[in-house]
Every structure is written in C-alpha cells, then in structure tokens.
Amino acid sequence: MKIFSEVSDELVEECYSQISINVKRIRKEQKKTQEEVALAMGFTTATFYTNAESNKRGKHFNLEHLIKISIILNVSMCRFFEKTVFM
C-alpha cells in the first residue's frame, strides 16, 4: 500500500491535467462553450472554469464541479478520468 508521502506532486498534477483535457474534449464534442458550461454550473463568469479547464493559475476542478459538469454534459464522471494512471 502506498502512503501519502509516496504520492508525488507530479502525479497529482498529471491527474489534474488529464481531467482538464477530458472535460475540454467532451465539452467540445458537444459543441458547448466554456461560458455555457460555467453559467450552467452557477458561475457568474467563465473565468474560473476557463482557468480550470486550461489547468492554469493553479485552478482545478473539484468533485462538486465534476459532478455538475457530468450532469450538464450528460456523461458519466468516469469519462473525466480516462487514460489517467493513479498508481
């Protein structure tokens, strides 16, 4: 069993990056804009959403965000984690 100290910051960042890539790909497949999804999530602007989807400025989607995005895009949350290796 791995312990917390064995999980590198690089691995965590890779996971965040893969999630962002998948969210963006799925959103684009459905021809939705960042603004449309951000507003549907309850944000007043798309700024946070844009930064999280681009994995910039230290912004990342949390579990609540992913739940909302999966409902808005009508996809299983599992799709956001495809191709990600956590071990």
PDB file of N, CA and C in Angstrom:
ATOM      1  N   MET A   1       0.849  -1.178   0.000  1.00  0.00           N
ATOM      2  CA  MET A   1       0.000   0.000   0.000  1.00  0.00           C
ATOM      3  C   MET A   1       0.890   1.236   0.000  1.00  0.00           C
ATOM      4  N   LYS A   2       0.532   2.191  -0.844  1.00  0.00           N
ATOM      5  CA  LYS A   2       1.275   3.448  -0.875  1.00  0.00           C
ATOM      6  C   LYS A   2       0.782   4.356   0.235  1.00  0.00           C
ATOM      7  N   ILE A   3       1.711   5.093   0.782  1.00  0.00           N
ATOM      8  CA  ILE A   3       1.335   6.089   1.779  1.00  0.00           C
ATOM      9  C   ILE A   3       1.405   7.467   1.147  1.00  0.00           C
ATOM     10  N   PHE A   4       0.767   8.414   1.786  1.00  0.00           N
ATOM     11  CA  PHE A   4       0.640   9.759   1.224  1.00  0.00           C
ATOM     12  C   PHE A   4       1.973  10.327   0.764  1.00  0.00           C
ATOM     13  N   SER A   5       3.027  10.150   1.543  1.00  0.00           N
ATOM     14  CA  SER A   5       4.321  10.742   1.190  1.00  0.00           C
ATOM     15  C   SER A   5       4.903  10.157  -0.092  1.00  0.00           C
ATOM     16  N   GLU A   6       4.371   9.021  -0.541  1.00  0.00           N
ATOM     17  CA  GLU A   6       4.859   8.414  -1.776  1.00  0.00           C
ATOM     18  C   GLU A   6       4.133   8.923  -3.021  1.00  0.00           C
ATOM     19  N   VAL A   7       3.093   9.717  -2.824  1.00  0.00           N
ATOM     20  CA  VAL A   7       2.346  10.281  -3.947  1.00  0.00           C
ATOM     21  C   VAL A   7       2.985  11.619  -4.301  1.00  0.00           C
ATOM     22  N   SER A   8       3.591  11.679  -5.464  1.00  0.00           N
ATOM     23  CA  SER A   8       4.333  12.881  -5.851  1.00  0.00           C
ATOM     24  C   SER A   8       3.412  13.997  -6.327  1.00  0.00           C
ATOM     25  N   ASP A   9       3.887  15.214  -6.180  1.00  0.00           N
ATOM     26  CA  ASP A   9       3.157  16.370  -6.708  1.00  0.00           C
ATOM     27  C   ASP A   9       2.994  16.251  -8.218  1.00  0.00           C
ATOM     28  N   GLU A  10       4.001  15.650  -8.869  1.00  0.00           N
ATOM     29  CA  GLU A  10       3.930  15.474 -10.323  1.00  0.00           C
ATOM     30  C   GLU A  10       2.756  14.580 -10.712  1.00  0.00           C
ATOM     31  N   LEU A  11       2.544  13.501  -9.960  1.00  0.00           N
ATOM     32  CA  LEU A  11       1.432  12.593 -10.249  1.00  0.00           C
ATOM     33  C   LEU A  11       0.099  13.303 -10.076  1.00  0.00           C
ATOM     34  N   VAL A  12      -0.022  14.080  -9.027  1.00  0.00           N
ATOM     35  CA  VAL A  12      -1.258  14.823  -8.785  1.00  0.00           C
ATOM     36  C   VAL A  12      -1.510  15.798  -9.932  1.00  0.00           C
ATOM     37  N   GLU A  13      -0.474  16.514 -10.351  1.00  0.00           N
ATOM     38  CA  GLU A  13      -0.618  17.459 -11.464  1.00  0.00           C
ATOM     39  C   GLU A  13      -0.972  16.759 -12.768  1.00  0.00           C
ATOM     40  N   GLU A  14      -0.392  15.590 -13.003  1.00  0.00           N
ATOM     41  CA  GLU A  14      -0.728  14.816 -14.204  1.00  0.00           C
ATOM     42  C   GLU A  14      -2.208  14.432 -14.203  1.00  0.00           C
ATOM     43  N   CYS A  15      -2.715  14.057 -13.044  1.00  0.00           N
ATOM     44  CA  CYS A  15      -4.128  13.691 -12.924  1.00  0.00           C
ATOM     45  C   CYS A  15      -5.027  14.895 -13.185  1.00  0.00           C
ATOM     46  N   TYR A  16      -4.698  16.039 -12.580  1.00  0.00           N
ATOM     47  CA  TYR A  16      -5.465  17.262 -12.830  1.00  0.00           C
ATOM     48  C   TYR A  16      -5.444  17.605 -14.319  1.00  0.00           C
ATOM     49  N   SER A  17      -4.286  17.460 -14.926  1.00  0.00           N
ATOM     50  CA  SER A  17      -4.140  17.788 -16.345  1.00  0.00           C
ATOM     51  C   SER A  17      -5.006  16.870 -17.207  1.00  0.00           C
ATOM     52  N   GLN A  18      -4.985  15.572 -16.919  1.00  0.00           N
ATOM     53  CA  GLN A  18      -5.784  14.623 -17.703  1.00  0.00           C
ATOM     54  C   GLN A  18      -7.270  14.905 -17.545  1.00  0.00           C
ATOM     55  N   ILE A  19      -7.701  15.229 -16.346  1.00  0.00           N
ATOM     56  CA  ILE A  19      -9.109  15.562 -16.112  1.00  0.00           C
ATOM     57  C   ILE A  19      -9.492  16.788 -16.938  1.00  0.00           C
ATOM     58  N   SER A  20      -8.650  17.816 -16.913  1.00  0.00           N
ATOM     59  CA  SER A  20      -8.926  19.034 -17.683  1.00  0.00           C
ATOM     60  C   SER A  20      -9.012  18.745 -19.173  1.00  0.00           C
ATOM     61  N   ILE A  21      -8.089  17.934 -19.665  1.00  0.00           N
ATOM     62  CA  ILE A  21      -8.085  17.562 -21.087  1.00  0.00           C
ATOM     63  C   ILE A  21      -9.389  16.854 -21.445  1.00  0.00           C
ATOM     64  N   ASN A  22      -9.816  15.925 -20.602  1.00  0.00           N
ATOM     65  CA  ASN A  22     -11.040  15.171 -20.886  1.00  0.00           C
ATOM     66  C   ASN A  22     -12.284  16.041 -20.814  1.00  0.00           C
ATOM     67  N   VAL A  23     -12.355  16.924 -19.820  1.00  0.00           N
ATOM     68  CA  VAL A  23     -13.507  17.830 -19.721  1.00  0.00           C
ATOM     69  C   VAL A  23     -13.593  18.686 -20.984  1.00  0.00           C
ATOM     70  N   LYS A  24     -12.468  19.239 -21.399  1.00  0.00           N
ATOM     71  CA  LYS A  24     -12.442  20.098 -22.587  1.00  0.00           C
ATOM     72  C   LYS A  24     -12.859  19.316 -23.840  1.00  0.00           C
ATOM     73  N   ARG A  25     -12.316  18.110 -23.994  1.00  0.00           N
ATOM     74  CA  ARG A  25     -12.632  17.291 -25.166  1.00  0.00           C
ATOM     75  C   ARG A  25     -14.125  16.964 -25.227  1.00  0.00           C
ATOM     76  N   ILE A  26     -14.684  16.564 -24.111  1.00  0.00           N
ATOM     77  CA  ILE A  26     -16.100  16.204 -24.071  1.00  0.00           C
ATOM     78  C   ILE A  26     -16.977  17.431 -24.322  1.00  0.00           C
ATOM     79  N   ARG A  27     -16.601  18.557 -23.721  1.00  0.00           N
ATOM     80  CA  ARG A  27     -17.367  19.801 -23.926  1.00  0.00           C
ATOM     81  C   ARG A  27     -17.365  20.175 -25.406  1.00  0.00           C
ATOM     82  N   LYS A  28     -16.197  20.094 -26.029  1.00  0.00           N
ATOM     83  CA  LYS A  28     -16.097  20.457 -27.449  1.00  0.00           C
ATOM     84  C   LYS A  28     -16.863  19.475 -28.334  1.00  0.00           C
ATOM     85  N   GLU A  29     -16.833  18.198 -27.990  1.00  0.00           N
ATOM     86  CA  GLU A  29     -17.595  17.195 -28.749  1.00  0.00           C
ATOM     87  C   GLU A  29     -19.081  17.552 -28.763  1.00  0.00           C
ATOM     88  N   GLN A  30     -19.535  18.144 -27.673  1.00  0.00           N
ATOM     89  CA  GLN A  30     -20.946  18.508 -27.554  1.00  0.00           C
ATOM     90  C   GLN A  30     -21.221  19.937 -28.040  1.00  0.00           C
ATOM     91  N   LYS A  31     -20.186  20.568 -28.586  1.00  0.00           N
ATOM     92  CA  LYS A  31     -20.320  21.909 -29.161  1.00  0.00           C
ATOM     93  C   LYS A  31     -20.868  22.919 -28.157  1.00  0.00           C
ATOM     94  N   LYS A  32     -20.401  22.810 -26.929  1.00  0.00           N
ATOM     95  CA  LYS A  32     -20.761  23.768 -25.883  1.00  0.00           C
ATOM     96  C   LYS A  32     -19.567  24.675 -25.635  1.00  0.00           C
ATOM     97  N   THR A  33     -19.846  25.927 -25.298  1.00  0.00           N
ATOM     98  CA  THR A  33     -18.767  26.857 -24.982  1.00  0.00           C
ATOM     99  C   THR A  33     -18.424  26.765 -23.497  1.00  0.00           C
ATOM    100  N   GLN A  34     -17.240  27.269 -23.159  1.00  0.00           N
ATOM    101  CA  GLN A  34     -16.852  27.335 -21.760  1.00  0.00           C
ATOM    102  C   GLN A  34     -17.848  28.180 -20.981  1.00  0.00           C
ATOM    103  N   GLU A  35     -18.280  29.266 -21.577  1.00  0.00           N
ATOM    104  CA  GLU A  35     -19.225  30.156 -20.910  1.00  0.00           C
ATOM    105  C   GLU A  35     -20.557  29.449 -20.635  1.00  0.00           C
ATOM    106  N   GLU A  36     -21.048  28.692 -21.600  1.00  0.00           N
ATOM    107  CA  GLU A  36     -22.308  27.974 -21.405  1.00  0.00           C
ATOM    108  C   GLU A  36     -22.225  27.018 -20.211  1.00  0.00           C
ATOM    109  N   VAL A  37     -21.137  26.271 -20.143  1.00  0.00           N
ATOM    110  CA  VAL A  37     -20.989  25.310 -19.055  1.00  0.00           C
ATOM    111  C   VAL A  37     -20.794  26.033 -17.731  1.00  0.00           C
ATOM    112  N   ALA A  38     -19.959  27.059 -17.724  1.00  0.00           N
ATOM    113  CA  ALA A  38     -19.701  27.817 -16.489  1.00  0.00           C
ATOM    114  C   ALA A  38     -20.988  28.433 -15.940  1.00  0.00           C
ATOM    115  N   LEU A  39     -21.780  29.040 -16.789  1.00  0.00           N
ATOM    116  CA  LEU A  39     -23.036  29.649 -16.349  1.00  0.00           C
ATOM    117  C   LEU A  39     -24.015  28.582 -15.852  1.00  0.00           C
ATOM    118  N   ALA A  40     -24.059  27.445 -16.533  1.00  0.00           N
ATOM    119  CA  ALA A  40     -24.935  26.353 -16.108  1.00  0.00           C
ATOM    120  C   ALA A  40     -24.500  25.796 -14.749  1.00  0.00           C
ATOM    121  N   MET A  41     -23.217  25.910 -14.441  1.00  0.00           N
ATOM    122  CA  MET A  41     -22.693  25.456 -13.147  1.00  0.00           C
ATOM    123  C   MET A  41     -23.007  26.444 -12.027  1.00  0.00           C
ATOM    124  N   GLY A  42     -23.416  27.658 -12.405  1.00  0.00           N
ATOM    125  CA  GLY A  42     -23.742  28.656 -11.394  1.00  0.00           C
ATOM    126  C   GLY A  42     -22.707  29.746 -11.238  1.00  0.00           C
ATOM    127  N   PHE A  43     -21.658  29.724 -12.054  1.00  0.00           N
ATOM    128  CA  PHE A  43     -20.673  30.803 -12.019  1.00  0.00           C
ATOM    129  C   PHE A  43     -21.245  32.019 -12.732  1.00  0.00           C
ATOM    130  N   THR A  44     -20.836  33.212 -12.320  1.00  0.00           N
ATOM    131  CA  THR A  44     -21.326  34.430 -12.974  1.00  0.00           C
ATOM    132  C   THR A  44     -20.487  34.790 -14.192  1.00  0.00           C
ATOM    133  N   THR A  45     -19.257  34.285 -14.239  1.00  0.00           N
ATOM    134  CA  THR A  45     -18.400  34.454 -15.412  1.00  0.00           C
ATOM    135  C   THR A  45     -17.708  33.131 -15.691  1.00  0.00           C
ATOM    136  N   ALA A  46     -17.041  33.054 -16.828  1.00  0.00           N
ATOM    137  CA  ALA A  46     -16.360  31.809 -17.201  1.00  0.00           C
ATOM    138  C   ALA A  46     -14.906  31.782 -16.750  1.00  0.00           C
ATOM    139  N   THR A  47     -14.453  32.783 -16.017  1.00  0.00           N
ATOM    140  CA  THR A  47     -13.034  32.905 -15.672  1.00  0.00           C
ATOM    141  C   THR A  47     -12.499  31.677 -14.942  1.00  0.00           C
ATOM    142  N   PHE A  48     -13.123  31.292 -13.828  1.00  0.00           N
ATOM    143  CA  PHE A  48     -12.625  30.126 -13.097  1.00  0.00           C
ATOM    144  C   PHE A  48     -12.669  28.889 -13.976  1.00  0.00           C
ATOM    145  N   TYR A  49     -13.800  28.679 -14.638  1.00  0.00           N
ATOM    146  CA  TYR A  49     -13.961  27.494 -15.479  1.00  0.00           C
ATOM    147  C   TYR A  49     -12.865  27.433 -16.542  1.00  0.00           C
ATOM    148  N   THR A  50     -12.612  28.551 -17.204  1.00  0.00           N
ATOM    149  CA  THR A  50     -11.595  28.611 -18.245  1.00  0.00           C
ATOM    150  C   THR A  50     -10.227  28.244 -17.689  1.00  0.00           C
ATOM    151  N   ASN A  51      -9.880  28.804 -16.533  1.00  0.00           N
ATOM    152  CA  ASN A  51      -8.579  28.504 -15.921  1.00  0.00           C
ATOM    153  C   ASN A  51      -8.479  27.042 -15.496  1.00  0.00           C
ATOM    154  N   ALA A  52      -9.548  26.484 -14.945  1.00  0.00           N
ATOM    155  CA  ALA A  52      -9.526  25.084 -14.517  1.00  0.00           C
ATOM    156  C   ALA A  52      -9.438  24.151 -15.719  1.00  0.00           C
ATOM    157  N   GLU A  53     -10.187  24.470 -16.763  1.00  0.00           N
ATOM    158  CA  GLU A  53     -10.159  23.625 -17.957  1.00  0.00           C
ATOM    159  C   GLU A  53      -8.806  23.701 -18.654  1.00  0.00           C
ATOM    160  N   SER A  54      -8.133  24.840 -18.536  1.00  0.00           N
ATOM    161  CA  SER A  54      -6.819  25.015 -19.149  1.00  0.00           C
ATOM    162  C   SER A  54      -5.698  24.618 -18.200  1.00  0.00           C
ATOM    163  N   ASN A  55      -6.071  24.233 -16.971  1.00  0.00           N
ATOM    164  CA  ASN A  55      -5.096  23.850 -15.952  1.00  0.00           C
ATOM    165  C   ASN A  55      -4.088  24.978 -15.711  1.00  0.00           C
ATOM    166  N   LYS A  56      -4.602  26.205 -15.604  1.00  0.00           N
ATOM    167  CA  LYS A  56      -3.758  27.388 -15.422  1.00  0.00           C
ATOM    168  C   LYS A  56      -4.050  28.075 -14.096  1.00  0.00           C
ATOM    169  N   ARG A  57      -3.077  28.837 -13.641  1.00  0.00           N
ATOM    170  CA  ARG A  57      -3.196  29.648 -12.426  1.00  0.00           C
ATOM    171  C   ARG A  57      -3.565  28.837 -11.191  1.00  0.00           C
ATOM    172  N   GLY A  58      -3.164  27.582 -11.193  1.00  0.00           N
ATOM    173  CA  GLY A  58      -3.408  26.729 -10.035  1.00  0.00           C
ATOM    174  C   GLY A  58      -4.867  26.384  -9.803  1.00  0.00           C
ATOM    175  N   LYS A  59      -5.697  26.570 -10.806  1.00  0.00           N
ATOM    176  CA  LYS A  59      -7.135  26.286 -10.678  1.00  0.00           C
ATOM    177  C   LYS A  59      -7.417  24.865 -11.161  1.00  0.00           C
ATOM    178  N   HIS A  60      -8.220  24.144 -10.393  1.00  0.00           N
ATOM    179  CA  HIS A  60      -8.569  22.769 -10.731  1.00  0.00           C
ATOM    180  C   HIS A  60     -10.043  22.536 -10.415  1.00  0.00           C
ATOM    181  N   PHE A  61     -10.631  21.608 -11.141  1.00  0.00           N
ATOM    182  CA  PHE A  61     -11.995  21.205 -10.840  1.00  0.00           C
ATOM    183  C   PHE A  61     -11.985  20.344  -9.581  1.00  0.00           C
ATOM    184  N   ASN A  62     -12.951  20.580  -8.688  1.00  0.00           N
ATOM    185  CA  ASN A  62     -13.093  19.718  -7.526  1.00  0.00           C
ATOM    186  C   ASN A  62     -14.232  18.729  -7.798  1.00  0.00           C
ATOM    187  N   LEU A  63     -14.537  17.893  -6.828  1.00  0.00           N
ATOM    188  CA  LEU A  63     -15.556  16.865  -7.021  1.00  0.00           C
ATOM    189  C   LEU A  63     -16.920  17.469  -7.344  1.00  0.00           C
ATOM    190  N   GLU A  64     -17.287  18.525  -6.643  1.00  0.00           N
ATOM    191  CA  GLU A  64     -18.576  19.175  -6.910  1.00  0.00           C
ATOM    192  C   GLU A  64     -18.634  19.697  -8.342  1.00  0.00           C
ATOM    193  N   HIS A  65     -17.552  20.299  -8.806  1.00  0.00           N
ATOM    194  CA  HIS A  65     -17.504  20.794 -10.182  1.00  0.00           C
ATOM    195  C   HIS A  65     -17.700  19.646 -11.168  1.00  0.00           C
ATOM    196  N   LEU A  66     -16.991  18.535 -10.937  1.00  0.00           N
ATOM    197  CA  LEU A  66     -17.080  17.406 -11.864  1.00  0.00           C
ATOM    198  C   LEU A  66     -18.472  16.794 -11.870  1.00  0.00           C
ATOM    199  N   ILE A  67     -19.116  16.755 -10.721  1.00  0.00           N
ATOM    200  CA  ILE A  67     -20.497  16.255 -10.665  1.00  0.00           C
ATOM    201  C   ILE A  67     -21.396  17.147 -11.523  1.00  0.00           C
ATOM    202  N   LYS A  68     -21.285  18.462 -11.340  1.00  0.00           N
ATOM    203  CA  LYS A  68     -22.117  19.398 -12.111  1.00  0.00           C
ATOM    204  C   LYS A  68     -21.832  19.302 -13.604  1.00  0.00           C
ATOM    205  N   ILE A  69     -20.557  19.235 -13.967  1.00  0.00           N
ATOM    206  CA  ILE A  69     -20.191  19.150 -15.386  1.00  0.00           C
ATOM    207  C   ILE A  69     -20.742  17.864 -15.990  1.00  0.00           C
ATOM    208  N   SER A  70     -20.649  16.768 -15.254  1.00  0.00           N
ATOM    209  CA  SER A  70     -21.152  15.497 -15.786  1.00  0.00           C
ATOM    210  C   SER A  70     -22.663  15.561 -16.025  1.00  0.00           C
ATOM    211  N   ILE A  71     -23.379  16.244 -15.150  1.00  0.00           N
ATOM    212  CA  ILE A  71     -24.829  16.398 -15.332  1.00  0.00           C
ATOM    213  C   ILE A  71     -25.118  17.309 -16.517  1.00  0.00           C
ATOM    214  N   ILE A  72     -24.409  18.427 -16.602  1.00  0.00           N
ATOM    215  CA  ILE A  72     -24.621  19.388 -17.691  1.00  0.00           C
ATOM    216  C   ILE A  72     -24.324  18.753 -19.045  1.00  0.00           C
ATOM    217  N   LEU A  73     -23.231  17.976 -19.115  1.00  0.00           N
ATOM    218  CA  LEU A  73     -22.833  17.364 -20.380  1.00  0.00           C
ATOM    219  C   LEU A  73     -23.448  15.973 -20.567  1.00  0.00           C
ATOM    220  N   ASN A  74     -24.189  15.516 -19.560  1.00  0.00           N
ATOM    221  CA  ASN A  74     -24.867  14.225 -19.625  1.00  0.00           C
ATOM    222  C   ASN A  74     -23.897  13.080 -19.930  1.00  0.00           C
ATOM    223  N   VAL A  75     -22.813  13.035 -19.142  1.00  0.00           N
ATOM    224  CA  VAL A  75     -21.828  11.960 -19.275  1.00  0.00           C
ATOM    225  C   VAL A  75     -21.500  11.409 -17.892  1.00  0.00           C
ATOM    226  N   SER A  76     -20.999  10.205 -17.872  1.00  0.00           N
ATOM    227  CA  SER A  76     -20.541   9.613 -16.624  1.00  0.00           C
ATOM    228  C   SER A  76     -19.265  10.317 -16.170  1.00  0.00           C
ATOM    229  N   MET A  77     -19.149  10.539 -14.870  1.00  0.00           N
ATOM    230  CA  MET A  77     -17.925  11.163 -14.346  1.00  0.00           C
ATOM    231  C   MET A  77     -16.695  10.327 -14.664  1.00  0.00           C
ATOM    232  N   CYS A  78     -16.870   9.044 -14.861  1.00  0.00           N
ATOM    233  CA  CYS A  78     -15.742   8.162 -15.178  1.00  0.00           C
ATOM    234  C   CYS A  78     -14.994   8.631 -16.426  1.00  0.00           C
ATOM    235  N   ARG A  79     -15.707   9.246 -17.339  1.00  0.00           N
ATOM    236  CA  ARG A  79     -15.074   9.706 -18.588  1.00  0.00           C
ATOM    237  C   ARG A  79     -14.027  10.774 -18.339  1.00  0.00           C
ATOM    238  N   PHE A  80     -14.146  11.519 -17.245  1.00  0.00           N
ATOM    239  CA  PHE A  80     -13.163  12.554 -16.939  1.00  0.00           C
ATOM    240  C   PHE A  80     -11.821  11.967 -16.503  1.00  0.00           C
ATOM    241  N   PHE A  81     -11.842  10.703 -16.088  1.00  0.00           N
ATOM    242  CA  PHE A  81     -10.643  10.062 -15.565  1.00  0.00           C
ATOM    243  C   PHE A  81     -10.003   9.076 -16.544  1.00  0.00           C
ATOM    244  N   GLU A  82     -10.515   8.987 -17.744  1.00  0.00           N
ATOM    245  CA  GLU A  82      -9.972   8.056 -18.737  1.00  0.00           C
ATOM    246  C   GLU A  82      -8.505   8.335 -19.021  1.00  0.00           C
ATOM    247  N   LYS A  83      -7.756   7.257 -19.210  1.00  0.00           N
ATOM    248  CA  LYS A  83      -6.326   7.302 -19.528  1.00  0.00           C
ATOM    249  C   LYS A  83      -5.464   7.815 -18.384  1.00  0.00           C
ATOM    250  N   THR A  84      -6.041   8.060 -17.235  1.00  0.00           N
ATOM    251  CA  THR A  84      -5.269   8.532 -16.103  1.00  0.00           C
ATOM    252  C   THR A  84      -4.764   7.347 -15.300  1.00  0.00           C
ATOM    253  N   VAL A  85      -3.483   7.368 -14.991  1.00  0.00           N
ATOM    254  CA  VAL A  85      -2.888   6.321 -14.187  1.00  0.00           C
ATOM    255  C   VAL A  85      -2.615   6.873 -12.808  1.00  0.00           C
ATOM    256  N   PHE A  86      -3.246   6.290 -11.783  1.00  0.00           N
ATOM    257  CA  PHE A  86      -3.116   6.778 -10.432  1.00  0.00           C
ATOM    258  C   PHE A  86      -2.125   5.962  -9.614  1.00  0.00           C
ATOM    259  N   MET A  87      -1.603   4.872 -10.151  1.00  0.00           N
ATOM    260  CA  MET A  87      -0.685   4.045  -9.362  1.00  0.00           C
ATOM    261  C   MET A  87       0.681   4.035  -9.969  1.00  0.00           C
TER     262      MET A  87
END
